[in-house]
PDB file of all heavy atoms in Angstrom:
ATOM      1  N   LYS A   1       0.839  -1.205   0.001  1.00  0.00           N
ATOM      2  CA  LYS A   1       0.005  -0.019   0.001  1.00  0.00           C
ATOM      3  C   LYS A   1       0.859   1.295  -0.034  1.00  0.00           C
ATOM      4  O   LYS A   1       1.920   1.256   0.641  1.00  0.00           O
ATOM      5  CB  LYS A   1      -0.914   0.009   1.205  1.00  0.00           C
ATOM      6  CG  LYS A   1      -1.832   1.219   1.295  1.00  0.00           C
ATOM      7  CD  LYS A   1      -2.592   1.397   2.535  1.00  0.00           C
ATOM      8  CE  LYS A   1      -3.693   0.216   2.725  1.00  0.00           C
ATOM      9  NZ  LYS A   1      -4.515   0.492   3.891  1.00  0.00           N
ATOM     10  N   LEU A   2       0.364   2.289  -0.706  1.00  0.00           N
ATOM     11  CA  LEU A   2       1.043   3.588  -0.702  1.00  0.00           C
ATOM     12  C   LEU A   2      -0.036   4.640  -0.495  1.00  0.00           C
ATOM     13  O   LEU A   2      -1.074   4.677  -1.200  1.00  0.00           O
ATOM     14  CB  LEU A   2       1.737   3.861  -2.047  1.00  0.00           C
ATOM     15  CG  LEU A   2       2.286   5.352  -2.204  1.00  0.00           C
ATOM     16  CD1 LEU A   2       3.424   5.481  -1.207  1.00  0.00           C
ATOM     17  CD2 LEU A   2       2.799   5.570  -3.541  1.00  0.00           C
ATOM     18  N   GLU A   3       0.085   5.505   0.528  1.00  0.00           N
ATOM     19  CA  GLU A   3      -0.833   6.590   0.781  1.00  0.00           C
ATOM     20  C   GLU A   3      -0.082   7.924   0.630  1.00  0.00           C
ATOM     21  O   GLU A   3       0.948   8.118   1.342  1.00  0.00           O
ATOM     22  CB  GLU A   3      -1.412   6.501   2.210  1.00  0.00           C
ATOM     23  CG  GLU A   3      -2.142   5.160   2.513  1.00  0.00           C
ATOM     24  CD  GLU A   3      -2.558   5.037   3.936  1.00  0.00           C
ATOM     25  OE1 GLU A   3      -3.416   5.764   4.423  1.00  0.00           O
ATOM     26  OE2 GLU A   3      -1.879   4.222   4.569  1.00  0.00           O
ATOM     27  N   VAL A   4      -0.528   8.776  -0.289  1.00  0.00           N
ATOM     28  CA  VAL A   4       0.104  10.035  -0.531  1.00  0.00           C
ATOM     29  C   VAL A   4      -0.787  11.158  -0.118  1.00  0.00           C
ATOM     30  O   VAL A   4      -1.957  11.259  -0.670  1.00  0.00           O
ATOM     31  CB  VAL A   4       0.556  10.240  -1.930  1.00  0.00           C
ATOM     32  CG1 VAL A   4       1.094  11.596  -2.251  1.00  0.00           C
ATOM     33  CG2 VAL A   4       1.567   9.117  -2.353  1.00  0.00           C
ATOM     34  N   THR A   5      -0.386  11.974   0.759  1.00  0.00           N
ATOM     35  CA  THR A   5      -1.166  13.126   1.242  1.00  0.00           C
ATOM     36  C   THR A   5      -0.804  14.365   0.408  1.00  0.00           C
ATOM     37  O   THR A   5       0.414  14.714   0.316  1.00  0.00           O
ATOM     38  CB  THR A   5      -1.007  13.424   2.710  1.00  0.00           C
ATOM     39  OG1 THR A   5      -1.390  12.266   3.444  1.00  0.00           O
ATOM     40  CG2 THR A   5      -1.909  14.684   3.162  1.00  0.00           C
ATOM     41  N   PHE A   6      -1.857  14.994  -0.168  1.00  0.00           N
ATOM     42  CA  PHE A   6      -1.563  16.190  -1.006  1.00  0.00           C
ATOM     43  C   PHE A   6      -1.513  17.452  -0.121  1.00  0.00           C
ATOM     44  O   PHE A   6      -2.200  17.493   0.858  1.00  0.00           O
ATOM     45  CB  PHE A   6      -2.539  16.315  -2.101  1.00  0.00           C
ATOM     46  CG  PHE A   6      -2.335  15.355  -3.302  1.00  0.00           C
ATOM     47  CD1 PHE A   6      -2.470  13.975  -2.986  1.00  0.00           C
ATOM     48  CD2 PHE A   6      -1.893  15.699  -4.456  1.00  0.00           C
ATOM     49  CE1 PHE A   6      -2.192  13.034  -4.089  1.00  0.00           C
ATOM     50  CE2 PHE A   6      -1.583  14.878  -5.593  1.00  0.00           C
ATOM     51  CZ  PHE A   6      -1.777  13.493  -5.303  1.00  0.00           C
ATOM     52  N   PRO A   7      -0.708  18.487  -0.542  1.00  0.00           N
ATOM     53  CA  PRO A   7      -0.544  19.674   0.258  1.00  0.00           C
ATOM     54  C   PRO A   7      -1.867  20.410   0.495  1.00  0.00           C
ATOM     55  O   PRO A   7      -2.494  20.740  -0.454  1.00  0.00           O
ATOM     56  CB  PRO A   7       0.522  20.475  -0.437  1.00  0.00           C
ATOM     57  CG  PRO A   7       0.390  19.983  -1.888  1.00  0.00           C
ATOM     58  CD  PRO A   7       0.046  18.524  -1.780  1.00  0.00           C
ATOM     59  N   SER A   8      -2.158  20.708   1.824  1.00  0.00           N
ATOM     60  CA  SER A   8      -3.300  21.499   2.083  1.00  0.00           C
ATOM     61  C   SER A   8      -3.081  23.029   2.033  1.00  0.00           C
ATOM     62  O   SER A   8      -4.003  23.756   1.879  1.00  0.00           O
ATOM     63  CB  SER A   8      -3.794  21.155   3.506  1.00  0.00           C
ATOM     64  OG  SER A   8      -2.758  21.438   4.431  1.00  0.00           O
ATOM     65  N   ASP A   9      -1.794  23.431   2.126  1.00  0.00           N
ATOM     66  CA  ASP A   9      -1.445  24.826   1.969  1.00  0.00           C
ATOM     67  C   ASP A   9      -1.482  25.331   0.619  1.00  0.00           C
ATOM     68  O   ASP A   9      -1.634  26.508   0.302  1.00  0.00           O
ATOM     69  CB  ASP A   9      -0.048  25.171   2.614  1.00  0.00           C
ATOM     70  CG  ASP A   9       1.004  24.347   2.048  1.00  0.00           C
ATOM     71  OD1 ASP A   9       0.699  23.244   1.409  1.00  0.00           O
ATOM     72  OD2 ASP A   9       2.158  24.673   2.223  1.00  0.00           O
ATOM     73  N   HIS A  10      -1.414  24.403  -0.418  1.00  0.00           N
ATOM     74  CA  HIS A  10      -1.488  24.713  -1.819  1.00  0.00           C
ATOM     75  C   HIS A  10      -2.269  23.711  -2.519  1.00  0.00           C
ATOM     76  O   HIS A  10      -1.787  22.821  -3.156  1.00  0.00           O
ATOM     77  CB  HIS A  10      -0.109  24.782  -2.477  1.00  0.00           C
ATOM     78  CG  HIS A  10       0.771  25.925  -1.958  1.00  0.00           C
ATOM     79  ND1 HIS A  10       1.634  25.763  -0.986  1.00  0.00           N
ATOM     80  CD2 HIS A  10       0.751  27.230  -2.358  1.00  0.00           C
ATOM     81  CE1 HIS A  10       2.294  26.908  -0.746  1.00  0.00           C
ATOM     82  NE2 HIS A  10       1.750  27.834  -1.542  1.00  0.00           N
ATOM     83  N   PRO A  11      -3.665  23.662  -2.180  1.00  0.00           N
ATOM     84  CA  PRO A  11      -4.524  22.665  -2.765  1.00  0.00           C
ATOM     85  C   PRO A  11      -4.567  22.688  -4.341  1.00  0.00           C
ATOM     86  O   PRO A  11      -4.432  23.723  -4.911  1.00  0.00           O
ATOM     87  CB  PRO A  11      -5.872  23.001  -2.188  1.00  0.00           C
ATOM     88  CG  PRO A  11      -5.790  24.393  -1.803  1.00  0.00           C
ATOM     89  CD  PRO A  11      -4.378  24.666  -1.466  1.00  0.00           C
ATOM     90  N   LEU A  12      -4.612  21.459  -4.937  1.00  0.00           N
ATOM     91  CA  LEU A  12      -4.705  21.312  -6.331  1.00  0.00           C
ATOM     92  C   LEU A  12      -6.184  21.067  -6.797  1.00  0.00           C
ATOM     93  O   LEU A  12      -6.832  20.196  -6.247  1.00  0.00           O
ATOM     94  CB  LEU A  12      -3.773  20.229  -6.821  1.00  0.00           C
ATOM     95  CG  LEU A  12      -2.333  20.406  -6.402  1.00  0.00           C
ATOM     96  CD1 LEU A  12      -1.502  19.175  -6.722  1.00  0.00           C
ATOM     97  CD2 LEU A  12      -1.659  21.634  -7.123  1.00  0.00           C
ATOM     98  N   SER A  13      -6.612  21.758  -7.812  1.00  0.00           N
ATOM     99  CA  SER A  13      -8.050  21.725  -8.210  1.00  0.00           C
ATOM    100  C   SER A  13      -8.219  20.420  -9.005  1.00  0.00           C
ATOM    101  O   SER A  13      -9.306  19.961  -9.161  1.00  0.00           O
ATOM    102  CB  SER A  13      -8.469  22.915  -9.083  1.00  0.00           C
ATOM    103  OG  SER A  13      -7.577  23.032 -10.222  1.00  0.00           O
ATOM    104  N   SER A  14      -7.208  19.926  -9.704  1.00  0.00           N
ATOM    105  CA  SER A  14      -7.267  18.737 -10.490  1.00  0.00           C
ATOM    106  C   SER A  14      -6.210  17.672 -10.134  1.00  0.00           C
ATOM    107  O   SER A  14      -5.068  17.956 -10.178  1.00  0.00           O
ATOM    108  CB  SER A  14      -7.141  19.075 -12.048  1.00  0.00           C
ATOM    109  OG  SER A  14      -7.215  17.908 -12.855  1.00  0.00           O
ATOM    110  N   VAL A  15      -6.647  16.502  -9.767  1.00  0.00           N
ATOM    111  CA  VAL A  15      -5.755  15.381  -9.415  1.00  0.00           C
ATOM    112  C   VAL A  15      -6.457  14.078 -10.043  1.00  0.00           C
ATOM    113  O   VAL A  15      -7.402  13.636  -9.609  1.00  0.00           O
ATOM    114  CB  VAL A  15      -5.654  15.197  -7.916  1.00  0.00           C
ATOM    115  CG1 VAL A  15      -4.763  13.934  -7.571  1.00  0.00           C
ATOM    116  CG2 VAL A  15      -5.034  16.425  -7.242  1.00  0.00           C
ATOM    117  N   LEU A  16      -5.701  13.580 -11.079  1.00  0.00           N
ATOM    118  CA  LEU A  16      -6.204  12.413 -11.827  1.00  0.00           C
ATOM    119  C   LEU A  16      -5.172  11.321 -11.831  1.00  0.00           C
ATOM    120  O   LEU A  16      -4.258  11.461 -12.605  1.00  0.00           O
ATOM    121  CB  LEU A  16      -6.570  12.813 -13.275  1.00  0.00           C
ATOM    122  CG  LEU A  16      -7.615  13.973 -13.408  1.00  0.00           C
ATOM    123  CD1 LEU A  16      -7.708  14.336 -14.896  1.00  0.00           C
ATOM    124  CD2 LEU A  16      -9.002  13.534 -12.839  1.00  0.00           C
ATOM    125  N   PRO A  17      -5.354  10.260 -11.054  1.00  0.00           N
ATOM    126  CA  PRO A  17      -4.363   9.147 -11.068  1.00  0.00           C
ATOM    127  C   PRO A  17      -4.564   8.289 -12.332  1.00  0.00           C
ATOM    128  O   PRO A  17      -5.564   8.174 -12.829  1.00  0.00           O
ATOM    129  CB  PRO A  17      -4.705   8.396  -9.854  1.00  0.00           C
ATOM    130  CG  PRO A  17      -5.640   9.203  -9.010  1.00  0.00           C
ATOM    131  CD  PRO A  17      -6.361  10.135  -9.963  1.00  0.00           C
ATOM    132  N   GLN A  18      -3.412   7.835 -12.827  1.00  0.00           N
ATOM    133  CA  GLN A  18      -3.418   6.960 -13.993  1.00  0.00           C
ATOM    134  C   GLN A  18      -3.611   5.495 -13.395  1.00  0.00           C
ATOM    135  O   GLN A  18      -2.931   5.152 -12.532  1.00  0.00           O
ATOM    136  CB  GLN A  18      -2.112   7.058 -14.715  1.00  0.00           C
ATOM    137  CG  GLN A  18      -2.030   6.124 -15.958  1.00  0.00           C
ATOM    138  CD  GLN A  18      -0.769   6.266 -16.731  1.00  0.00           C
ATOM    139  OE1 GLN A  18      -0.367   7.347 -16.940  1.00  0.00           O
ATOM    140  NE2 GLN A  18      -0.205   5.210 -17.124  1.00  0.00           N
ATOM    141  N   PRO A  19      -4.456   4.713 -14.045  1.00  0.00           N
ATOM    142  CA  PRO A  19      -4.634   3.306 -13.610  1.00  0.00           C
ATOM    143  C   PRO A  19      -3.300   2.575 -13.652  1.00  0.00           C
ATOM    144  O   PRO A  19      -2.434   2.709 -14.574  1.00  0.00           O
ATOM    145  CB  PRO A  19      -5.578   2.740 -14.592  1.00  0.00           C
ATOM    146  CG  PRO A  19      -6.386   3.921 -15.150  1.00  0.00           C
ATOM    147  CD  PRO A  19      -5.417   5.063 -15.159  1.00  0.00           C
ATOM    148  N   VAL A  20      -3.071   1.797 -12.625  1.00  0.00           N
ATOM    149  CA  VAL A  20      -1.795   0.985 -12.505  1.00  0.00           C
ATOM    150  C   VAL A  20      -2.229  -0.468 -12.346  1.00  0.00           C
ATOM    151  O   VAL A  20      -3.024  -0.881 -11.452  1.00  0.00           O
ATOM    152  CB  VAL A  20      -0.947   1.415 -11.275  1.00  0.00           C
ATOM    153  CG1 VAL A  20       0.235   0.483 -11.257  1.00  0.00           C
ATOM    154  CG2 VAL A  20      -0.580   2.875 -11.411  1.00  0.00           C
ATOM    155  N   GLU A  21      -1.729  -1.318 -13.232  1.00  0.00           N
ATOM    156  CA  GLU A  21      -2.184  -2.765 -13.260  1.00  0.00           C
ATOM    157  C   GLU A  21      -1.898  -3.459 -12.023  1.00  0.00           C
ATOM    158  O   GLU A  21      -0.685  -3.295 -11.472  1.00  0.00           O
ATOM    159  CB  GLU A  21      -1.547  -3.481 -14.420  1.00  0.00           C
ATOM    160  CG  GLU A  21      -1.996  -4.898 -14.601  1.00  0.00           C
ATOM    161  CD  GLU A  21      -1.387  -5.553 -15.848  1.00  0.00           C
ATOM    162  OE1 GLU A  21      -0.667  -4.877 -16.589  1.00  0.00           O
ATOM    163  OE2 GLU A  21      -1.691  -6.791 -16.009  1.00  0.00           O
ATOM    164  N   GLY A  22      -2.833  -4.082 -11.358  1.00  0.00           N
ATOM    165  CA  GLY A  22      -2.526  -4.802 -10.204  1.00  0.00           C
ATOM    166  C   GLY A  22      -2.715  -3.996  -8.902  1.00  0.00           C
ATOM    167  O   GLY A  22      -2.526  -4.473  -7.734  1.00  0.00           O
ATOM    168  N   TRP A  23      -3.268  -2.703  -9.028  1.00  0.00           N
ATOM    169  CA  TRP A  23      -3.509  -1.880  -7.918  1.00  0.00           C
ATOM    170  C   TRP A  23      -4.860  -1.178  -7.972  1.00  0.00           C
ATOM    171  O   TRP A  23      -5.278  -0.799  -8.998  1.00  0.00           O
ATOM    172  CB  TRP A  23      -2.426  -0.801  -7.888  1.00  0.00           C
ATOM    173  CG  TRP A  23      -1.063  -1.317  -7.599  1.00  0.00           C
ATOM    174  CD1 TRP A  23      -0.154  -1.856  -8.544  1.00  0.00           C
ATOM    175  CD2 TRP A  23      -0.255  -1.296  -6.378  1.00  0.00           C
ATOM    176  NE1 TRP A  23       0.930  -2.260  -8.005  1.00  0.00           N
ATOM    177  CE2 TRP A  23       0.956  -1.927  -6.646  1.00  0.00           C
ATOM    178  CE3 TRP A  23      -0.594  -0.859  -5.113  1.00  0.00           C
ATOM    179  CZ2 TRP A  23       1.993  -2.078  -5.643  1.00  0.00           C
ATOM    180  CZ3 TRP A  23       0.404  -1.049  -4.131  1.00  0.00           C
ATOM    181  CH2 TRP A  23       1.655  -1.570  -4.390  1.00  0.00           C
ATOM    182  N   ASP A  24      -5.524  -1.176  -6.786  1.00  0.00           N
ATOM    183  CA  ASP A  24      -6.785  -0.404  -6.630  1.00  0.00           C
ATOM    184  C   ASP A  24      -6.336   1.048  -6.189  1.00  0.00           C
ATOM    185  O   ASP A  24      -5.401   1.249  -5.452  1.00  0.00           O
ATOM    186  CB  ASP A  24      -7.637  -1.049  -5.563  1.00  0.00           C
ATOM    187  CG  ASP A  24      -8.306  -2.390  -6.051  1.00  0.00           C
ATOM    188  OD1 ASP A  24      -8.572  -2.390  -7.227  1.00  0.00           O
ATOM    189  OD2 ASP A  24      -8.491  -3.240  -5.209  1.00  0.00           O
ATOM    190  N   ILE A  25      -7.152   1.956  -6.620  1.00  0.00           N
ATOM    191  CA  ILE A  25      -6.933   3.410  -6.364  1.00  0.00           C
ATOM    192  C   ILE A  25      -8.079   4.009  -5.695  1.00  0.00           C
ATOM    193  O   ILE A  25      -9.183   3.955  -6.163  1.00  0.00           O
ATOM    194  CB  ILE A  25      -6.522   4.139  -7.643  1.00  0.00           C
ATOM    195  CG1 ILE A  25      -5.351   3.493  -8.368  1.00  0.00           C
ATOM    196  CG2 ILE A  25      -6.180   5.647  -7.348  1.00  0.00           C
ATOM    197  CD1 ILE A  25      -5.023   4.124  -9.736  1.00  0.00           C
ATOM    198  N   LYS A  26      -7.769   4.667  -4.533  1.00  0.00           N
ATOM    199  CA  LYS A  26      -8.914   5.455  -3.885  1.00  0.00           C
ATOM    200  C   LYS A  26      -8.505   6.929  -3.803  1.00  0.00           C
ATOM    201  O   LYS A  26      -7.393   7.261  -3.294  1.00  0.00           O
ATOM    202  CB  LYS A  26      -9.115   4.879  -2.586  1.00  0.00           C
ATOM    203  CG  LYS A  26     -10.232   5.605  -1.743  1.00  0.00           C
ATOM    204  CD  LYS A  26     -10.403   5.029  -0.317  1.00  0.00           C
ATOM    205  CE  LYS A  26     -11.392   5.837   0.423  1.00  0.00           C
ATOM    206  NZ  LYS A  26     -11.574   5.267   1.833  1.00  0.00           N
ATOM    207  N   VAL A  27      -9.352   7.837  -4.231  1.00  0.00           N
ATOM    208  CA  VAL A  27      -9.140   9.236  -4.202  1.00  0.00           C
ATOM    209  C   VAL A  27     -10.026   9.822  -3.102  1.00  0.00           C
ATOM    210  O   VAL A  27     -11.264   9.642  -3.133  1.00  0.00           O
ATOM    211  CB  VAL A  27      -9.408   9.942  -5.541  1.00  0.00           C
ATOM    212  CG1 VAL A  27      -9.192  11.435  -5.445  1.00  0.00           C
ATOM    213  CG2 VAL A  27      -8.554   9.311  -6.627  1.00  0.00           C
ATOM    214  N   THR A  28      -9.370  10.574  -2.140  1.00  0.00           N
ATOM    215  CA  THR A  28     -10.054  11.168  -1.025  1.00  0.00           C
ATOM    216  C   THR A  28     -10.134  12.665  -1.245  1.00  0.00           C
ATOM    217  O   THR A  28      -9.105  13.321  -1.362  1.00  0.00           O
ATOM    218  CB  THR A  28      -9.471  10.839   0.336  1.00  0.00           C
ATOM    219  OG1 THR A  28      -9.355   9.409   0.410  1.00  0.00           O
ATOM    220  CG2 THR A  28     -10.204  11.433   1.474  1.00  0.00           C
ATOM    221  N   LYS A  29     -11.321  13.228  -1.110  1.00  0.00           N
ATOM    222  CA  LYS A  29     -11.478  14.716  -1.216  1.00  0.00           C
ATOM    223  C   LYS A  29     -11.913  15.280   0.123  1.00  0.00           C
ATOM    224  O   LYS A  29     -12.622  14.589   0.904  1.00  0.00           O
ATOM    225  CB  LYS A  29     -12.548  15.043  -2.325  1.00  0.00           C
ATOM    226  CG  LYS A  29     -12.135  14.738  -3.753  1.00  0.00           C
ATOM    227  CD  LYS A  29     -13.154  15.231  -4.736  1.00  0.00           C
ATOM    228  CE  LYS A  29     -12.682  14.952  -6.118  1.00  0.00           C
ATOM    229  NZ  LYS A  29     -13.677  15.442  -7.135  1.00  0.00           N
ATOM    230  N   SER A  30     -11.592  16.554   0.347  1.00  0.00           N
ATOM    231  CA  SER A  30     -11.970  17.134   1.558  1.00  0.00           C
ATOM    232  C   SER A  30     -12.365  18.610   1.253  1.00  0.00           C
ATOM    233  O   SER A  30     -11.882  19.214   0.259  1.00  0.00           O
ATOM    234  CB  SER A  30     -10.779  17.199   2.632  1.00  0.00           C
ATOM    235  OG  SER A  30     -10.368  15.905   2.951  1.00  0.00           O
ATOM    236  N   ARG A  31     -13.225  19.169   2.213  1.00  0.00           N
ATOM    237  CA  ARG A  31     -13.725  20.535   1.975  1.00  0.00           C
ATOM    238  C   ARG A  31     -12.574  21.534   2.294  1.00  0.00           C
ATOM    239  O   ARG A  31     -11.764  21.351   3.217  1.00  0.00           O
ATOM    240  CB  ARG A  31     -14.935  20.837   2.807  1.00  0.00           C
ATOM    241  CG  ARG A  31     -15.612  22.109   2.460  1.00  0.00           C
ATOM    242  CD  ARG A  31     -16.909  22.192   3.174  1.00  0.00           C
ATOM    243  NE  ARG A  31     -17.831  21.221   2.551  1.00  0.00           N
ATOM    244  CZ  ARG A  31     -18.575  21.399   1.463  1.00  0.00           C
ATOM    245  NH1 ARG A  31     -18.465  22.532   0.794  1.00  0.00           N
ATOM    246  NH2 ARG A  31     -19.302  20.416   0.991  1.00  0.00           N
ATOM    247  N   LEU A  32     -12.454  22.534   1.427  1.00  0.00           N
ATOM    248  CA  LEU A  32     -11.402  23.528   1.637  1.00  0.00           C
ATOM    249  C   LEU A  32     -11.859  24.659   2.591  1.00  0.00           C
ATOM    250  O   LEU A  32     -13.005  25.025   2.658  1.00  0.00           O
ATOM    251  CB  LEU A  32     -11.015  24.171   0.295  1.00  0.00           C
ATOM    252  CG  LEU A  32     -10.473  23.245  -0.719  1.00  0.00           C
ATOM    253  CD1 LEU A  32     -10.253  23.947  -2.020  1.00  0.00           C
ATOM    254  CD2 LEU A  32      -9.205  22.595  -0.274  1.00  0.00           C
ATOM    255  N   ALA A  33     -10.923  25.094   3.375  1.00  0.00           N
ATOM    256  CA  ALA A  33     -11.228  26.302   4.288  1.00  0.00           C
ATOM    257  C   ALA A  33     -11.514  27.525   3.461  1.00  0.00           C
ATOM    258  O   ALA A  33     -12.416  28.256   3.815  1.00  0.00           O
ATOM    259  CB  ALA A  33     -10.018  26.527   5.221  1.00  0.00           C
ATOM    260  N   GLU A  34     -10.723  27.732   2.396  1.00  0.00           N
ATOM    261  CA  GLU A  34     -11.004  28.820   1.481  1.00  0.00           C
ATOM    262  C   GLU A  34     -11.192  28.289   0.066  1.00  0.00           C
ATOM    263  O   GLU A  34     -10.276  27.587  -0.439  1.00  0.00           O
ATOM    264  CB  GLU A  34      -9.829  29.812   1.436  1.00  0.00           C
ATOM    265  CG  GLU A  34      -9.633  30.468   2.869  1.00  0.00           C
ATOM    266  CD  GLU A  34      -8.544  31.523   2.843  1.00  0.00           C
ATOM    267  OE1 GLU A  34      -7.984  31.776   1.693  1.00  0.00           O
ATOM    268  OE2 GLU A  34      -8.176  32.081   3.903  1.00  0.00           O
ATOM    269  N   PRO A  35     -12.346  28.513  -0.616  1.00  0.00           N
ATOM    270  CA  PRO A  35     -12.513  27.991  -1.968  1.00  0.00           C
ATOM    271  C   PRO A  35     -11.523  28.445  -2.950  1.00  0.00           C
ATOM    272  O   PRO A  35     -10.955  29.580  -2.863  1.00  0.00           O
ATOM    273  CB  PRO A  35     -13.940  28.555  -2.292  1.00  0.00           C
ATOM    274  CG  PRO A  35     -14.584  28.855  -0.933  1.00  0.00           C
ATOM    275  CD  PRO A  35     -13.513  29.285  -0.128  1.00  0.00           C
ATOM    276  N   LEU A  36     -11.228  27.693  -3.912  1.00  0.00           N
ATOM    277  CA  LEU A  36     -10.401  28.051  -5.028  1.00  0.00           C
ATOM    278  C   LEU A  36     -11.219  28.491  -6.189  1.00  0.00           C
ATOM    279  O   LEU A  36     -12.310  28.055  -6.392  1.00  0.00           O
ATOM    280  CB  LEU A  36      -9.498  26.754  -5.530  1.00  0.00           C
ATOM    281  CG  LEU A  36      -8.548  26.173  -4.548  1.00  0.00           C
ATOM    282  CD1 LEU A  36      -7.913  24.874  -5.164  1.00  0.00           C
ATOM    283  CD2 LEU A  36      -7.402  27.181  -4.227  1.00  0.00           C
ATOM    284  N   GLU A  37     -10.589  29.469  -6.983  1.00  0.00           N
ATOM    285  CA  GLU A  37     -11.250  29.979  -8.119  1.00  0.00           C
ATOM    286  C   GLU A  37     -10.485  29.509  -9.326  1.00  0.00           C
ATOM    287  O   GLU A  37      -9.387  29.848  -9.514  1.00  0.00           O
ATOM    288  CB  GLU A  37     -11.390  31.514  -8.095  1.00  0.00           C
ATOM    289  CG  GLU A  37     -12.154  31.980  -9.342  1.00  0.00           C
ATOM    290  CD  GLU A  37     -12.538  33.509  -9.184  1.00  0.00           C
ATOM    291  OE1 GLU A  37     -12.342  34.120  -8.075  1.00  0.00           O
ATOM    292  OE2 GLU A  37     -12.889  34.102 -10.131  1.00  0.00           O
ATOM    293  N   VAL A  38     -11.119  28.663 -10.156  1.00  0.00           N
ATOM    294  CA  VAL A  38     -10.428  28.064 -11.307  1.00  0.00           C
ATOM    295  C   VAL A  38     -11.375  28.353 -12.518  1.00  0.00           C
ATOM    296  O   VAL A  38     -12.514  27.903 -12.597  1.00  0.00           O
ATOM    297  CB  VAL A  38     -10.228  26.568 -11.179  1.00  0.00           C
ATOM    298  CG1 VAL A  38      -9.563  26.080 -12.360  1.00  0.00           C
ATOM    299  CG2 VAL A  38      -9.378  26.367  -9.918  1.00  0.00           C
TER     300      VAL A  38
END
């Protein structure tokens, strides 16, 4: 297993993992303290 935490001080509006053979992928989203404008 590999768990990667993305930076909360510089949140990214788009995060798209590429499928990897032999691995399940779970993407976790959280509400932002300050909304991003994209």
